[in-house]
Amino acid sequence: MEPTIVQCAEQPYVGRRESIRMTEFARVADHLPTMFAGLARRGVPVAGAPFFRYRMIDMAAEMVVEAGIPVAGPVTVAAPDFTDTLPAGRYATVSHVGHPDQLMAVTARLLDWARHNGLTWDMTPTPTGELWGCRIEMLMTSPAEQPDMHKWETVLLFKLAD
């Protein structure tokens, strides 16, 4: 694991948001095929890897998580889908190849690395959990092309405070 800091530009995306418990995460992931199919039917070009954006995190209770697909520009969608933009700025990032179950440990190591290096996140503690400016997991491997989950690549991108 070799975290780095990168500068990212704004990125428009189409998303779908869910309030879930961690055990219900598959419900969020299940939205991606439907969203991809809808974009393809309308001829909307995809501009990057799909991702999960964690908006509000309370591991003991509910989290607000989005399934998102980057698009090349503004697009109109129907509910329950929505459009938004990932913010520009500095992000701490790390790439992980392995089973998605390992991402909690990878995330903990990234958080420790940032703390050790004096970095702070674009995150605000609230009574209902941590409100993140932008914390995403990008899915670099298509499950349809690589069925072995131990070979999946995921990139974590967590926005740093300005």
N, C-alpha and C. Protein backbone atom coordinates (compact mmCIF):
# COMPACT_ATOMS: atom_id res chain seq x y z
N MET A 1 0.85 -1.18 0.00
CA MET A 1 0.00 0.00 0.00
C MET A 1 0.88 1.23 0.00
N GLU A 2 0.78 2.02 -1.06
CA GLU A 2 1.59 3.24 -1.21
C GLU A 2 0.66 4.42 -1.45
N PRO A 3 0.13 5.05 -0.39
CA PRO A 3 -0.75 6.19 -0.60
C PRO A 3 -0.01 7.36 -1.24
N THR A 4 -0.73 8.14 -2.01
CA THR A 4 -0.18 9.35 -2.60
C THR A 4 -1.24 10.45 -2.51
N ILE A 5 -0.82 11.66 -2.83
CA ILE A 5 -1.75 12.78 -2.90
C ILE A 5 -1.84 13.21 -4.35
N VAL A 6 -3.07 13.35 -4.84
CA VAL A 6 -3.30 13.75 -6.23
C VAL A 6 -4.25 14.94 -6.26
N GLN A 7 -4.17 15.69 -7.35
CA GLN A 7 -5.09 16.81 -7.59
C GLN A 7 -6.15 16.31 -8.57
N CYS A 8 -7.41 16.43 -8.22
CA CYS A 8 -8.50 15.99 -9.09
C CYS A 8 -9.33 17.19 -9.54
N ALA A 9 -9.77 17.14 -10.78
CA ALA A 9 -10.69 18.15 -11.32
C ALA A 9 -12.12 17.77 -10.93
N GLU A 10 -13.06 18.71 -11.06
CA GLU A 10 -14.47 18.39 -10.87
C GLU A 10 -14.86 17.29 -11.85
N GLN A 11 -15.79 16.43 -11.43
CA GLN A 11 -16.24 15.35 -12.29
C GLN A 11 -17.75 15.17 -12.16
N PRO A 12 -18.53 15.49 -13.22
CA PRO A 12 -19.96 15.24 -13.14
C PRO A 12 -20.24 13.74 -13.11
N TYR A 13 -21.33 13.38 -12.46
CA TYR A 13 -21.71 11.97 -12.39
C TYR A 13 -23.21 11.82 -12.24
N VAL A 14 -23.66 10.61 -12.56
CA VAL A 14 -25.04 10.20 -12.31
C VAL A 14 -24.97 9.26 -11.11
N GLY A 15 -25.88 9.46 -10.16
CA GLY A 15 -25.84 8.64 -8.95
C GLY A 15 -27.21 8.21 -8.49
N ARG A 16 -27.16 7.30 -7.52
CA ARG A 16 -28.34 6.87 -6.81
C ARG A 16 -27.94 6.68 -5.35
N ARG A 17 -28.70 7.26 -4.45
CA ARG A 17 -28.34 7.33 -3.02
C ARG A 17 -29.22 6.40 -2.19
N GLU A 18 -28.59 5.78 -1.18
CA GLU A 18 -29.31 4.90 -0.25
C GLU A 18 -28.83 5.18 1.17
N SER A 19 -29.74 5.09 2.13
CA SER A 19 -29.38 5.06 3.55
C SER A 19 -29.42 3.59 3.95
N ILE A 20 -28.28 3.07 4.39
CA ILE A 20 -28.16 1.62 4.63
C ILE A 20 -27.36 1.34 5.90
N ARG A 21 -27.46 0.12 6.35
CA ARG A 21 -26.52 -0.42 7.33
C ARG A 21 -25.44 -1.12 6.53
N MET A 22 -24.27 -1.27 7.12
CA MET A 22 -23.15 -1.87 6.38
C MET A 22 -23.52 -3.24 5.80
N THR A 23 -24.35 -4.00 6.49
CA THR A 23 -24.73 -5.33 6.02
C THR A 23 -25.62 -5.28 4.78
N GLU A 24 -26.14 -4.10 4.43
CA GLU A 24 -27.02 -3.95 3.29
C GLU A 24 -26.31 -3.36 2.07
N PHE A 25 -24.98 -3.34 2.10
CA PHE A 25 -24.22 -2.65 1.07
C PHE A 25 -24.52 -3.16 -0.35
N ALA A 26 -24.80 -4.43 -0.49
CA ALA A 26 -25.07 -4.99 -1.82
C ALA A 26 -26.24 -4.28 -2.49
N ARG A 27 -27.17 -3.75 -1.69
CA ARG A 27 -28.31 -3.02 -2.25
C ARG A 27 -27.85 -1.81 -3.05
N VAL A 28 -26.81 -1.13 -2.59
CA VAL A 28 -26.27 0.02 -3.31
C VAL A 28 -25.58 -0.45 -4.60
N ALA A 29 -24.76 -1.49 -4.49
CA ALA A 29 -24.03 -2.01 -5.65
C ALA A 29 -24.99 -2.49 -6.75
N ASP A 30 -26.14 -2.98 -6.36
CA ASP A 30 -27.11 -3.49 -7.34
C ASP A 30 -27.64 -2.41 -8.27
N HIS A 31 -27.48 -1.13 -7.92
CA HIS A 31 -27.98 -0.05 -8.77
C HIS A 31 -27.10 0.17 -10.01
N LEU A 32 -25.81 -0.19 -9.94
CA LEU A 32 -24.90 0.13 -11.03
C LEU A 32 -25.32 -0.45 -12.38
N PRO A 33 -25.68 -1.74 -12.48
CA PRO A 33 -26.08 -2.25 -13.81
C PRO A 33 -27.27 -1.51 -14.41
N THR A 34 -28.25 -1.16 -13.60
CA THR A 34 -29.42 -0.44 -14.08
C THR A 34 -29.03 0.95 -14.57
N MET A 35 -28.15 1.61 -13.81
CA MET A 35 -27.72 2.95 -14.20
C MET A 35 -26.90 2.90 -15.50
N PHE A 36 -25.98 1.93 -15.62
CA PHE A 36 -25.21 1.78 -16.85
C PHE A 36 -26.14 1.55 -18.04
N ALA A 37 -27.12 0.66 -17.88
CA ALA A 37 -28.04 0.36 -18.97
C ALA A 37 -28.83 1.61 -19.38
N GLY A 38 -29.27 2.39 -18.42
CA GLY A 38 -30.02 3.61 -18.73
C GLY A 38 -29.17 4.62 -19.48
N LEU A 39 -27.92 4.77 -19.08
CA LEU A 39 -27.03 5.69 -19.79
C LEU A 39 -26.76 5.19 -21.21
N ALA A 40 -26.52 3.88 -21.35
CA ALA A 40 -26.25 3.31 -22.68
C ALA A 40 -27.44 3.48 -23.61
N ARG A 41 -28.67 3.25 -23.11
CA ARG A 41 -29.88 3.40 -23.93
C ARG A 41 -30.00 4.82 -24.48
N ARG A 42 -29.55 5.78 -23.69
CA ARG A 42 -29.67 7.18 -24.09
C ARG A 42 -28.42 7.69 -24.81
N GLY A 43 -27.41 6.84 -24.97
CA GLY A 43 -26.20 7.25 -25.67
C GLY A 43 -25.31 8.20 -24.88
N VAL A 44 -25.42 8.17 -23.55
CA VAL A 44 -24.60 9.04 -22.69
C VAL A 44 -23.26 8.36 -22.47
N PRO A 45 -22.15 9.03 -22.85
CA PRO A 45 -20.84 8.41 -22.66
C PRO A 45 -20.42 8.41 -21.19
N VAL A 46 -19.88 7.28 -20.77
CA VAL A 46 -19.33 7.13 -19.42
C VAL A 46 -17.91 7.67 -19.44
N ALA A 47 -17.51 8.40 -18.41
CA ALA A 47 -16.21 9.09 -18.41
C ALA A 47 -15.24 8.56 -17.37
N GLY A 48 -15.49 7.37 -16.85
CA GLY A 48 -14.57 6.82 -15.85
C GLY A 48 -15.18 5.60 -15.17
N ALA A 49 -14.46 5.12 -14.17
CA ALA A 49 -14.89 3.92 -13.45
C ALA A 49 -16.05 4.23 -12.50
N PRO A 50 -16.96 3.27 -12.33
CA PRO A 50 -18.04 3.47 -11.36
C PRO A 50 -17.46 3.55 -9.95
N PHE A 51 -18.23 4.10 -9.04
CA PHE A 51 -17.72 4.29 -7.68
C PHE A 51 -18.84 4.26 -6.66
N PHE A 52 -18.44 4.14 -5.40
CA PHE A 52 -19.33 4.32 -4.26
C PHE A 52 -18.83 5.55 -3.52
N ARG A 53 -19.74 6.48 -3.27
CA ARG A 53 -19.40 7.70 -2.55
C ARG A 53 -20.08 7.65 -1.19
N TYR A 54 -19.26 7.67 -0.16
CA TYR A 54 -19.78 7.66 1.22
C TYR A 54 -20.03 9.10 1.64
N ARG A 55 -21.29 9.46 1.87
CA ARG A 55 -21.64 10.82 2.25
C ARG A 55 -21.66 10.98 3.77
N MET A 56 -22.41 10.13 4.45
CA MET A 56 -22.51 10.18 5.90
C MET A 56 -22.16 8.79 6.43
N ILE A 57 -21.23 8.74 7.36
CA ILE A 57 -20.78 7.44 7.86
C ILE A 57 -21.01 7.36 9.37
N ASP A 58 -21.80 6.37 9.77
CA ASP A 58 -21.95 5.99 11.17
C ASP A 58 -21.95 4.47 11.15
N MET A 59 -20.79 3.89 11.38
CA MET A 59 -20.64 2.44 11.23
C MET A 59 -21.54 1.66 12.18
N ALA A 60 -21.93 2.27 13.30
CA ALA A 60 -22.79 1.58 14.26
C ALA A 60 -24.27 1.67 13.87
N ALA A 61 -24.61 2.59 13.01
CA ALA A 61 -26.01 2.77 12.62
C ALA A 61 -26.11 2.77 11.11
N GLU A 62 -26.67 3.83 10.53
CA GLU A 62 -26.84 3.90 9.08
C GLU A 62 -25.79 4.77 8.43
N MET A 63 -25.55 4.48 7.16
CA MET A 63 -24.66 5.29 6.33
C MET A 63 -25.47 5.77 5.13
N VAL A 64 -25.05 6.90 4.58
CA VAL A 64 -25.63 7.38 3.33
C VAL A 64 -24.56 7.17 2.27
N VAL A 65 -24.86 6.29 1.31
CA VAL A 65 -23.89 5.90 0.29
C VAL A 65 -24.53 6.08 -1.09
N GLU A 66 -23.72 6.53 -2.04
CA GLU A 66 -24.17 6.67 -3.42
C GLU A 66 -23.43 5.70 -4.32
N ALA A 67 -24.13 5.13 -5.27
CA ALA A 67 -23.51 4.44 -6.39
C ALA A 67 -23.44 5.50 -7.48
N GLY A 68 -22.24 5.68 -8.09
CA GLY A 68 -22.10 6.72 -9.08
C GLY A 68 -21.37 6.27 -10.32
N ILE A 69 -21.67 6.94 -11.43
CA ILE A 69 -21.00 6.68 -12.70
C ILE A 69 -20.61 8.03 -13.29
N PRO A 70 -19.30 8.27 -13.50
CA PRO A 70 -18.86 9.54 -14.10
C PRO A 70 -19.38 9.66 -15.53
N VAL A 71 -19.78 10.87 -15.90
CA VAL A 71 -20.25 11.16 -17.25
C VAL A 71 -19.45 12.33 -17.81
N ALA A 72 -19.46 12.47 -19.13
CA ALA A 72 -18.63 13.47 -19.80
C ALA A 72 -19.11 14.90 -19.60
N GLY A 73 -20.38 15.07 -19.28
CA GLY A 73 -20.92 16.42 -19.11
C GLY A 73 -22.30 16.36 -18.53
N PRO A 74 -22.97 17.50 -18.48
CA PRO A 74 -24.32 17.53 -17.90
C PRO A 74 -25.26 16.58 -18.62
N VAL A 75 -26.11 15.95 -17.87
CA VAL A 75 -27.07 15.00 -18.40
C VAL A 75 -28.35 15.11 -17.56
N THR A 76 -29.49 14.84 -18.16
CA THR A 76 -30.75 14.84 -17.44
C THR A 76 -31.13 13.40 -17.13
N VAL A 77 -31.55 13.16 -15.89
CA VAL A 77 -31.95 11.81 -15.48
C VAL A 77 -33.28 11.90 -14.73
N ALA A 78 -33.92 10.77 -14.58
CA ALA A 78 -35.19 10.69 -13.85
C ALA A 78 -34.95 10.04 -12.49
N ALA A 79 -35.74 10.44 -11.50
CA ALA A 79 -35.66 9.85 -10.16
C ALA A 79 -35.90 8.35 -10.26
N PRO A 80 -35.22 7.57 -9.46
CA PRO A 80 -34.44 7.92 -8.29
C PRO A 80 -32.98 8.31 -8.59
N ASP A 81 -32.59 8.32 -9.86
CA ASP A 81 -31.23 8.77 -10.19
C ASP A 81 -31.16 10.29 -10.05
N PHE A 82 -29.95 10.82 -9.89
CA PHE A 82 -29.73 12.25 -9.81
C PHE A 82 -28.38 12.56 -10.42
N THR A 83 -28.10 13.82 -10.66
CA THR A 83 -26.79 14.23 -11.15
C THR A 83 -26.14 15.12 -10.10
N ASP A 84 -24.83 15.06 -10.05
CA ASP A 84 -24.05 15.87 -9.11
C ASP A 84 -22.64 15.96 -9.67
N THR A 85 -21.76 16.60 -8.94
CA THR A 85 -20.36 16.75 -9.36
C THR A 85 -19.44 16.43 -8.20
N LEU A 86 -18.48 15.55 -8.44
CA LEU A 86 -17.44 15.31 -7.44
C LEU A 86 -16.58 16.57 -7.39
N PRO A 87 -16.22 17.04 -6.19
CA PRO A 87 -15.50 18.30 -6.08
C PRO A 87 -14.03 18.20 -6.49
N ALA A 88 -13.52 19.30 -7.04
CA ALA A 88 -12.09 19.41 -7.35
C ALA A 88 -11.33 19.55 -6.04
N GLY A 89 -10.06 19.19 -6.07
CA GLY A 89 -9.23 19.39 -4.90
C GLY A 89 -8.16 18.33 -4.75
N ARG A 90 -7.50 18.39 -3.61
CA ARG A 90 -6.45 17.40 -3.29
C ARG A 90 -7.09 16.19 -2.61
N TYR A 91 -6.68 15.03 -3.06
CA TYR A 91 -7.19 13.76 -2.53
C TYR A 91 -6.03 12.87 -2.13
N ALA A 92 -6.19 12.14 -1.03
CA ALA A 92 -5.28 11.05 -0.70
C ALA A 92 -5.85 9.82 -1.38
N THR A 93 -4.98 9.05 -2.00
CA THR A 93 -5.45 7.90 -2.77
C THR A 93 -4.54 6.70 -2.57
N VAL A 94 -5.11 5.53 -2.72
CA VAL A 94 -4.37 4.28 -2.69
C VAL A 94 -5.14 3.26 -3.53
N SER A 95 -4.39 2.40 -4.19
CA SER A 95 -4.97 1.33 -5.00
C SER A 95 -4.83 0.02 -4.24
N HIS A 96 -5.88 -0.79 -4.29
CA HIS A 96 -5.87 -2.10 -3.62
C HIS A 96 -6.32 -3.17 -4.59
N VAL A 97 -5.54 -4.25 -4.68
CA VAL A 97 -5.95 -5.42 -5.46
C VAL A 97 -6.21 -6.53 -4.45
N GLY A 98 -7.44 -6.99 -4.42
CA GLY A 98 -7.83 -8.04 -3.49
C GLY A 98 -9.33 -8.02 -3.25
N HIS A 99 -9.76 -8.90 -2.39
CA HIS A 99 -11.19 -9.06 -2.09
C HIS A 99 -11.74 -7.78 -1.46
N PRO A 100 -12.96 -7.37 -1.84
CA PRO A 100 -13.56 -6.18 -1.25
C PRO A 100 -13.68 -6.22 0.28
N ASP A 101 -13.74 -7.42 0.86
CA ASP A 101 -13.80 -7.53 2.32
C ASP A 101 -12.56 -6.93 2.99
N GLN A 102 -11.47 -6.77 2.25
CA GLN A 102 -10.23 -6.22 2.80
C GLN A 102 -10.23 -4.69 2.82
N LEU A 103 -11.22 -4.07 2.20
CA LEU A 103 -11.22 -2.61 2.08
C LEU A 103 -11.35 -1.88 3.41
N MET A 104 -12.00 -2.49 4.39
CA MET A 104 -12.09 -1.84 5.71
C MET A 104 -10.69 -1.69 6.29
N ALA A 105 -9.86 -2.72 6.18
CA ALA A 105 -8.49 -2.66 6.71
C ALA A 105 -7.64 -1.69 5.89
N VAL A 106 -7.81 -1.67 4.57
CA VAL A 106 -7.07 -0.74 3.71
C VAL A 106 -7.46 0.69 4.06
N THR A 107 -8.75 0.93 4.28
CA THR A 107 -9.22 2.26 4.66
C THR A 107 -8.61 2.68 5.99
N ALA A 108 -8.57 1.78 6.95
CA ALA A 108 -7.98 2.10 8.26
C ALA A 108 -6.51 2.48 8.11
N ARG A 109 -5.79 1.76 7.24
CA ARG A 109 -4.36 2.08 7.03
C ARG A 109 -4.21 3.44 6.34
N LEU A 110 -5.10 3.75 5.39
CA LEU A 110 -5.04 5.06 4.73
C LEU A 110 -5.33 6.18 5.74
N LEU A 111 -6.31 5.99 6.60
CA LEU A 111 -6.61 6.99 7.62
C LEU A 111 -5.42 7.17 8.57
N ASP A 112 -4.79 6.08 8.97
CA ASP A 112 -3.59 6.16 9.84
C ASP A 112 -2.45 6.87 9.13
N TRP A 113 -2.23 6.57 7.85
CA TRP A 113 -1.16 7.21 7.07
C TRP A 113 -1.38 8.71 7.03
N ALA A 114 -2.62 9.15 6.78
CA ALA A 114 -2.92 10.58 6.72
C ALA A 114 -2.67 11.24 8.08
N ARG A 115 -3.13 10.59 9.14
CA ARG A 115 -2.93 11.14 10.48
C ARG A 115 -1.44 11.26 10.78
N HIS A 116 -0.66 10.23 10.46
CA HIS A 116 0.79 10.22 10.68
C HIS A 116 1.48 11.35 9.91
N ASN A 117 0.94 11.70 8.74
CA ASN A 117 1.53 12.75 7.90
C ASN A 117 0.89 14.13 8.12
N GLY A 118 0.07 14.25 9.15
CA GLY A 118 -0.52 15.54 9.50
C GLY A 118 -1.57 16.05 8.53
N LEU A 119 -2.20 15.16 7.79
CA LEU A 119 -3.22 15.53 6.81
C LEU A 119 -4.59 15.48 7.47
N THR A 120 -5.47 16.39 7.07
CA THR A 120 -6.84 16.37 7.57
C THR A 120 -7.80 16.20 6.41
N TRP A 121 -8.92 15.57 6.70
CA TRP A 121 -9.92 15.24 5.68
C TRP A 121 -10.94 16.36 5.54
N ASP A 122 -11.58 16.39 4.38
CA ASP A 122 -12.75 17.23 4.16
C ASP A 122 -13.92 16.47 4.77
N MET A 123 -14.02 16.56 6.10
CA MET A 123 -15.00 15.78 6.85
C MET A 123 -15.41 16.58 8.07
N THR A 124 -16.71 16.53 8.39
CA THR A 124 -17.23 17.22 9.56
C THR A 124 -17.97 16.23 10.44
N PRO A 125 -17.57 16.10 11.72
CA PRO A 125 -18.35 15.25 12.63
C PRO A 125 -19.71 15.89 12.91
N THR A 126 -20.77 15.08 12.91
CA THR A 126 -22.11 15.56 13.24
C THR A 126 -22.72 14.57 14.25
N PRO A 127 -23.83 14.92 14.86
CA PRO A 127 -24.47 13.98 15.80
C PRO A 127 -24.90 12.67 15.15
N THR A 128 -25.10 12.67 13.83
CA THR A 128 -25.55 11.45 13.15
C THR A 128 -24.44 10.75 12.38
N GLY A 129 -23.19 11.17 12.55
CA GLY A 129 -22.07 10.51 11.88
C GLY A 129 -21.12 11.51 11.27
N GLU A 130 -20.18 11.00 10.49
CA GLU A 130 -19.18 11.84 9.81
C GLU A 130 -19.70 12.24 8.44
N LEU A 131 -19.79 13.54 8.19
CA LEU A 131 -20.23 14.06 6.89
C LEU A 131 -18.98 14.33 6.06
N TRP A 132 -18.79 13.56 4.98
CA TRP A 132 -17.60 13.65 4.14
C TRP A 132 -17.87 14.51 2.92
N GLY A 133 -16.91 15.38 2.60
CA GLY A 133 -16.98 16.16 1.37
C GLY A 133 -16.90 15.26 0.16
N CYS A 134 -15.97 14.31 0.19
CA CYS A 134 -15.86 13.34 -0.90
C CYS A 134 -14.98 12.19 -0.46
N ARG A 135 -15.58 11.04 -0.30
CA ARG A 135 -14.86 9.81 0.06
C ARG A 135 -15.40 8.73 -0.85
N ILE A 136 -14.57 8.28 -1.80
CA ILE A 136 -15.07 7.33 -2.78
C ILE A 136 -14.19 6.10 -2.90
N GLU A 137 -14.84 5.02 -3.33
CA GLU A 137 -14.18 3.77 -3.73
C GLU A 137 -14.49 3.58 -5.20
N MET A 138 -13.46 3.66 -6.05
CA MET A 138 -13.65 3.46 -7.50
C MET A 138 -13.42 2.00 -7.84
N LEU A 139 -14.32 1.42 -8.59
CA LEU A 139 -14.27 0.01 -8.97
C LEU A 139 -13.55 -0.12 -10.30
N MET A 140 -12.28 -0.47 -10.27
CA MET A 140 -11.47 -0.52 -11.48
C MET A 140 -11.61 -1.84 -12.24
N THR A 141 -12.16 -2.86 -11.60
CA THR A 141 -12.31 -4.18 -12.21
C THR A 141 -13.79 -4.48 -12.40
N SER A 142 -14.16 -4.89 -13.58
CA SER A 142 -15.54 -5.28 -13.84
C SER A 142 -15.77 -6.71 -13.37
N PRO A 143 -16.75 -6.93 -12.49
CA PRO A 143 -17.05 -8.31 -12.06
C PRO A 143 -17.40 -9.22 -13.23
N ALA A 144 -17.96 -8.67 -14.29
CA ALA A 144 -18.31 -9.48 -15.46
C ALA A 144 -17.05 -9.99 -16.17
N GLU A 145 -15.97 -9.21 -16.11
CA GLU A 145 -14.73 -9.60 -16.78
C GLU A 145 -13.80 -10.37 -15.86
N GLN A 146 -13.91 -10.18 -14.54
CA GLN A 146 -13.04 -10.87 -13.58
C GLN A 146 -13.90 -11.41 -12.44
N PRO A 147 -14.34 -12.65 -12.54
CA PRO A 147 -15.20 -13.21 -11.49
C PRO A 147 -14.47 -13.49 -10.17
N ASP A 148 -13.14 -13.61 -10.20
CA ASP A 148 -12.37 -13.87 -8.98
C ASP A 148 -12.22 -12.58 -8.18
N MET A 149 -12.99 -12.44 -7.11
CA MET A 149 -13.01 -11.21 -6.31
C MET A 149 -11.65 -10.91 -5.67
N HIS A 150 -10.79 -11.90 -5.53
CA HIS A 150 -9.46 -11.69 -4.96
C HIS A 150 -8.53 -10.94 -5.92
N LYS A 151 -8.97 -10.77 -7.17
CA LYS A 151 -8.18 -10.06 -8.17
C LYS A 151 -8.76 -8.69 -8.52
N TRP A 152 -9.80 -8.27 -7.82
CA TRP A 152 -10.42 -6.98 -8.11
C TRP A 152 -9.54 -5.83 -7.65
N GLU A 153 -9.48 -4.78 -8.47
CA GLU A 153 -8.76 -3.56 -8.09
C GLU A 153 -9.76 -2.48 -7.72
N THR A 154 -9.50 -1.85 -6.58
CA THR A 154 -10.32 -0.74 -6.10
C THR A 154 -9.38 0.41 -5.76
N VAL A 155 -9.74 1.62 -6.14
CA VAL A 155 -8.96 2.81 -5.80
C VAL A 155 -9.76 3.62 -4.80
N LEU A 156 -9.15 3.92 -3.66
CA LEU A 156 -9.76 4.80 -2.68
C LEU A 156 -9.30 6.22 -2.95
N LEU A 157 -10.23 7.16 -2.95
CA LEU A 157 -9.95 8.59 -3.12
C LEU A 157 -10.70 9.34 -2.02
N PHE A 158 -9.96 9.92 -1.08
CA PHE A 158 -10.57 10.67 0.03
C PHE A 158 -10.10 12.11 -0.07
N LYS A 159 -11.04 13.04 -0.14
CA LYS A 159 -10.71 14.46 -0.30
C LYS A 159 -10.09 15.02 1.00
N LEU A 160 -9.01 15.76 0.81
CA LEU A 160 -8.35 16.42 1.93
C LEU A 160 -8.97 17.79 2.14
N ALA A 161 -8.87 18.28 3.37
CA ALA A 161 -9.39 19.61 3.68
C ALA A 161 -8.62 20.65 2.88
N ASP A 162 -9.30 21.73 2.48
CA ASP A 162 -8.65 22.79 1.71
C ASP A 162 -7.70 23.58 2.58
